Amino acid sequence: MKVYKAFAFVAGMALLSSCDYQKYNKKVSKDLNAGNEYVYGVSPDSLPRQMANKYDAQPELDSRVNAIREKLYGGATSAVAKQ
């Protein structure tokens, strides 16, 4: 009977202490790129300036990319990769 009461007490304390779970589990940090047009664009609806970077296609890397994708996602492909 003593063990049952001790277990009930510990369980009750655990339940009471978890009421505000995740309340203080946040990392509020200053955004170092706030207002940076290169990262966020001129307005929320516009594309950032860094999206203007275009890279040449390198077909010799396709096999390596597909091998990594197969290892990470089990061979699943995406519509983005087919473009």
N, C-alpha and C. Protein backbone atom coordinates (compact mmCIF):
# COMPACT_ATOMS: atom_id res chain seq x y z
N MET A 1 0.82 -1.19 0.00
CA MET A 1 0.00 0.00 0.00
C MET A 1 0.87 1.26 0.00
N LYS A 2 2.01 1.20 0.72
CA LYS A 2 2.91 2.34 0.78
C LYS A 2 3.48 2.67 -0.60
N VAL A 3 3.83 1.64 -1.35
CA VAL A 3 4.39 1.82 -2.68
C VAL A 3 3.35 2.48 -3.59
N TYR A 4 2.12 2.06 -3.47
CA TYR A 4 1.04 2.62 -4.29
C TYR A 4 0.87 4.11 -3.99
N LYS A 5 0.91 4.50 -2.72
CA LYS A 5 0.77 5.91 -2.36
C LYS A 5 1.97 6.72 -2.84
N ALA A 6 3.16 6.16 -2.73
CA ALA A 6 4.35 6.85 -3.21
C ALA A 6 4.29 7.03 -4.72
N PHE A 7 3.87 5.99 -5.41
CA PHE A 7 3.75 6.08 -6.87
C PHE A 7 2.69 7.11 -7.25
N ALA A 8 1.57 7.12 -6.57
CA ALA A 8 0.51 8.09 -6.87
C ALA A 8 1.00 9.51 -6.60
N PHE A 9 1.77 9.71 -5.54
CA PHE A 9 2.31 11.03 -5.23
C PHE A 9 3.28 11.49 -6.30
N VAL A 10 4.18 10.63 -6.73
CA VAL A 10 5.15 10.98 -7.76
C VAL A 10 4.44 11.26 -9.09
N ALA A 11 3.45 10.45 -9.43
CA ALA A 11 2.69 10.66 -10.67
C ALA A 11 1.92 11.98 -10.60
N GLY A 12 1.33 12.28 -9.45
CA GLY A 12 0.61 13.54 -9.29
C GLY A 12 1.53 14.74 -9.42
N MET A 13 2.70 14.67 -8.83
CA MET A 13 3.66 15.76 -8.93
C MET A 13 4.14 15.94 -10.38
N ALA A 14 4.34 14.83 -11.08
CA ALA A 14 4.75 14.91 -12.47
C ALA A 14 3.67 15.56 -13.32
N LEU A 15 2.42 15.21 -13.06
CA LEU A 15 1.32 15.80 -13.82
C LEU A 15 1.18 17.29 -13.51
N LEU A 16 1.33 17.66 -12.26
CA LEU A 16 1.19 19.06 -11.90
C LEU A 16 2.35 19.91 -12.41
N SER A 17 3.52 19.33 -12.47
CA SER A 17 4.68 20.10 -12.92
C SER A 17 4.72 20.22 -14.44
N SER A 18 3.97 19.41 -15.15
CA SER A 18 4.00 19.48 -16.61
C SER A 18 2.88 20.33 -17.19
N CYS A 19 2.17 21.07 -16.38
CA CYS A 19 1.08 21.89 -16.89
C CYS A 19 1.58 22.98 -17.84
N ASP A 20 2.70 23.57 -17.55
CA ASP A 20 3.26 24.62 -18.39
C ASP A 20 4.42 24.09 -19.21
N TYR A 21 4.29 22.87 -19.67
CA TYR A 21 5.34 22.26 -20.48
C TYR A 21 5.56 23.08 -21.74
N GLN A 22 6.76 23.32 -22.12
CA GLN A 22 7.18 24.11 -23.27
C GLN A 22 6.96 25.61 -23.09
N LYS A 23 6.54 26.05 -21.93
CA LYS A 23 6.33 27.48 -21.73
C LYS A 23 7.65 28.23 -21.79
N TYR A 24 8.67 27.68 -21.18
CA TYR A 24 9.96 28.35 -21.13
C TYR A 24 10.99 27.68 -22.05
N ASN A 25 10.54 26.76 -22.87
CA ASN A 25 11.45 26.03 -23.74
C ASN A 25 11.51 26.70 -25.10
N LYS A 26 11.87 27.96 -25.12
CA LYS A 26 11.95 28.73 -26.35
C LYS A 26 13.26 29.51 -26.36
N LYS A 27 13.79 29.63 -27.52
CA LYS A 27 14.99 30.43 -27.70
C LYS A 27 14.59 31.65 -28.50
N VAL A 28 14.38 32.74 -27.82
CA VAL A 28 14.04 33.98 -28.48
C VAL A 28 15.35 34.71 -28.77
N SER A 29 15.63 34.88 -30.05
CA SER A 29 16.87 35.53 -30.41
C SER A 29 16.61 36.64 -31.42
N LYS A 30 17.51 37.57 -31.46
CA LYS A 30 17.41 38.69 -32.36
C LYS A 30 17.70 38.22 -33.79
N ASP A 31 16.87 38.64 -34.75
CA ASP A 31 17.09 38.30 -36.14
C ASP A 31 18.17 39.20 -36.71
N LEU A 32 19.31 38.62 -37.01
CA LEU A 32 20.43 39.40 -37.50
C LEU A 32 20.21 39.92 -38.91
N ASN A 33 19.29 39.30 -39.65
CA ASN A 33 19.04 39.70 -41.03
C ASN A 33 17.76 40.51 -41.18
N ALA A 34 17.21 41.03 -40.10
CA ALA A 34 15.98 41.81 -40.17
C ALA A 34 16.22 43.04 -41.04
N GLY A 35 15.34 43.24 -42.01
CA GLY A 35 15.46 44.39 -42.90
C GLY A 35 16.46 44.21 -44.03
N ASN A 36 17.07 43.06 -44.14
CA ASN A 36 18.04 42.80 -45.18
C ASN A 36 17.32 42.42 -46.47
N GLU A 37 17.40 43.26 -47.49
CA GLU A 37 16.70 43.00 -48.75
C GLU A 37 17.28 41.78 -49.47
N TYR A 38 18.54 41.48 -49.25
CA TYR A 38 19.17 40.34 -49.90
C TYR A 38 18.55 39.04 -49.39
N VAL A 39 18.16 39.00 -48.13
CA VAL A 39 17.61 37.79 -47.53
C VAL A 39 16.09 37.76 -47.62
N TYR A 40 15.41 38.85 -47.30
CA TYR A 40 13.96 38.86 -47.20
C TYR A 40 13.26 39.57 -48.36
N GLY A 41 13.96 40.31 -49.18
CA GLY A 41 13.33 41.05 -50.27
C GLY A 41 12.87 42.41 -49.81
N VAL A 42 12.34 43.19 -50.76
CA VAL A 42 11.91 44.55 -50.46
C VAL A 42 10.64 44.53 -49.62
N SER A 43 9.72 43.62 -49.92
CA SER A 43 8.47 43.50 -49.17
C SER A 43 8.19 42.02 -48.93
N PRO A 44 7.22 41.70 -48.08
CA PRO A 44 6.93 40.28 -47.81
C PRO A 44 6.47 39.51 -49.05
N ASP A 45 5.93 40.22 -50.05
CA ASP A 45 5.43 39.53 -51.24
C ASP A 45 6.47 39.40 -52.34
N SER A 46 7.62 40.03 -52.19
CA SER A 46 8.63 39.98 -53.25
C SER A 46 9.66 38.90 -52.95
N LEU A 47 10.37 38.51 -53.99
CA LEU A 47 11.44 37.53 -53.83
C LEU A 47 12.70 38.21 -53.32
N PRO A 48 13.48 37.54 -52.53
CA PRO A 48 14.74 38.13 -52.07
C PRO A 48 15.73 38.24 -53.23
N ARG A 49 16.67 39.13 -53.08
CA ARG A 49 17.65 39.35 -54.14
C ARG A 49 18.53 38.13 -54.36
N GLN A 50 18.71 37.31 -53.33
CA GLN A 50 19.57 36.14 -53.50
C GLN A 50 18.95 35.08 -54.41
N MET A 51 17.64 35.19 -54.69
CA MET A 51 16.99 34.25 -55.60
C MET A 51 17.38 34.53 -57.05
N ALA A 52 17.99 35.67 -57.33
CA ALA A 52 18.40 36.00 -58.69
C ALA A 52 19.63 35.21 -59.13
N ASN A 53 20.29 34.55 -58.21
CA ASN A 53 21.47 33.75 -58.56
C ASN A 53 21.04 32.55 -59.38
N LYS A 54 21.63 32.38 -60.54
CA LYS A 54 21.34 31.25 -61.42
C LYS A 54 22.64 30.45 -61.58
N TYR A 55 22.50 29.14 -61.55
CA TYR A 55 23.65 28.28 -61.66
C TYR A 55 23.50 27.38 -62.87
N ASP A 56 24.60 27.10 -63.53
CA ASP A 56 24.59 26.22 -64.69
C ASP A 56 24.32 24.79 -64.26
N ALA A 57 23.58 24.07 -65.09
CA ALA A 57 23.28 22.67 -64.80
C ALA A 57 24.55 21.84 -64.94
N GLN A 58 24.74 20.88 -64.04
CA GLN A 58 25.90 20.00 -64.09
C GLN A 58 25.39 18.56 -64.11
N PRO A 59 25.17 18.00 -65.28
CA PRO A 59 24.60 16.65 -65.38
C PRO A 59 25.48 15.58 -64.73
N GLU A 60 26.77 15.82 -64.62
CA GLU A 60 27.64 14.80 -64.01
C GLU A 60 27.36 14.62 -62.52
N LEU A 61 26.67 15.59 -61.90
CA LEU A 61 26.34 15.48 -60.48
C LEU A 61 25.01 14.78 -60.23
N ASP A 62 24.23 14.50 -61.30
CA ASP A 62 22.91 13.89 -61.14
C ASP A 62 22.97 12.54 -60.44
N SER A 63 23.96 11.73 -60.78
CA SER A 63 24.05 10.40 -60.16
C SER A 63 24.34 10.52 -58.66
N ARG A 64 25.18 11.45 -58.30
CA ARG A 64 25.49 11.65 -56.88
C ARG A 64 24.28 12.18 -56.12
N VAL A 65 23.56 13.13 -56.73
CA VAL A 65 22.36 13.70 -56.11
C VAL A 65 21.31 12.61 -55.92
N ASN A 66 21.12 11.78 -56.93
CA ASN A 66 20.13 10.71 -56.82
C ASN A 66 20.53 9.68 -55.78
N ALA A 67 21.82 9.40 -55.65
CA ALA A 67 22.28 8.46 -54.62
C ALA A 67 22.02 9.02 -53.23
N ILE A 68 22.27 10.30 -53.03
CA ILE A 68 22.00 10.93 -51.73
C ILE A 68 20.51 10.94 -51.45
N ARG A 69 19.71 11.27 -52.46
CA ARG A 69 18.26 11.30 -52.28
C ARG A 69 17.73 9.91 -51.94
N GLU A 70 18.26 8.88 -52.58
CA GLU A 70 17.82 7.52 -52.30
C GLU A 70 18.20 7.10 -50.88
N LYS A 71 19.38 7.52 -50.44
CA LYS A 71 19.82 7.18 -49.09
C LYS A 71 18.97 7.88 -48.04
N LEU A 72 18.63 9.16 -48.29
CA LEU A 72 17.86 9.92 -47.31
C LEU A 72 16.38 9.57 -47.33
N TYR A 73 15.81 9.42 -48.51
CA TYR A 73 14.36 9.27 -48.61
C TYR A 73 13.93 7.91 -49.13
N GLY A 74 14.82 6.98 -49.22
CA GLY A 74 14.45 5.64 -49.63
C GLY A 74 14.06 5.54 -51.10
N GLY A 75 14.65 6.35 -51.96
CA GLY A 75 14.38 6.27 -53.37
C GLY A 75 13.22 7.10 -53.84
N ALA A 76 12.53 7.79 -52.93
CA ALA A 76 11.40 8.63 -53.33
C ALA A 76 11.93 9.84 -54.09
N THR A 77 11.22 10.20 -55.14
CA THR A 77 11.62 11.35 -55.91
C THR A 77 10.62 12.47 -55.70
N SER A 78 11.02 13.65 -56.04
CA SER A 78 10.11 14.79 -55.90
C SER A 78 9.98 15.51 -57.23
N ALA A 79 8.95 16.31 -57.35
CA ALA A 79 8.73 17.05 -58.58
C ALA A 79 9.81 18.10 -58.78
N VAL A 80 10.38 18.61 -57.71
CA VAL A 80 11.42 19.63 -57.83
C VAL A 80 12.67 19.03 -58.46
N ALA A 81 13.00 17.80 -58.13
CA ALA A 81 14.20 17.17 -58.65
C ALA A 81 14.08 16.83 -60.13
N LYS A 82 12.86 16.69 -60.63
CA LYS A 82 12.67 16.32 -62.03
C LYS A 82 12.78 17.50 -62.97
N GLN A 83 12.79 18.71 -62.46
CA GLN A 83 12.83 19.89 -63.32
C GLN A 83 14.17 20.05 -63.97
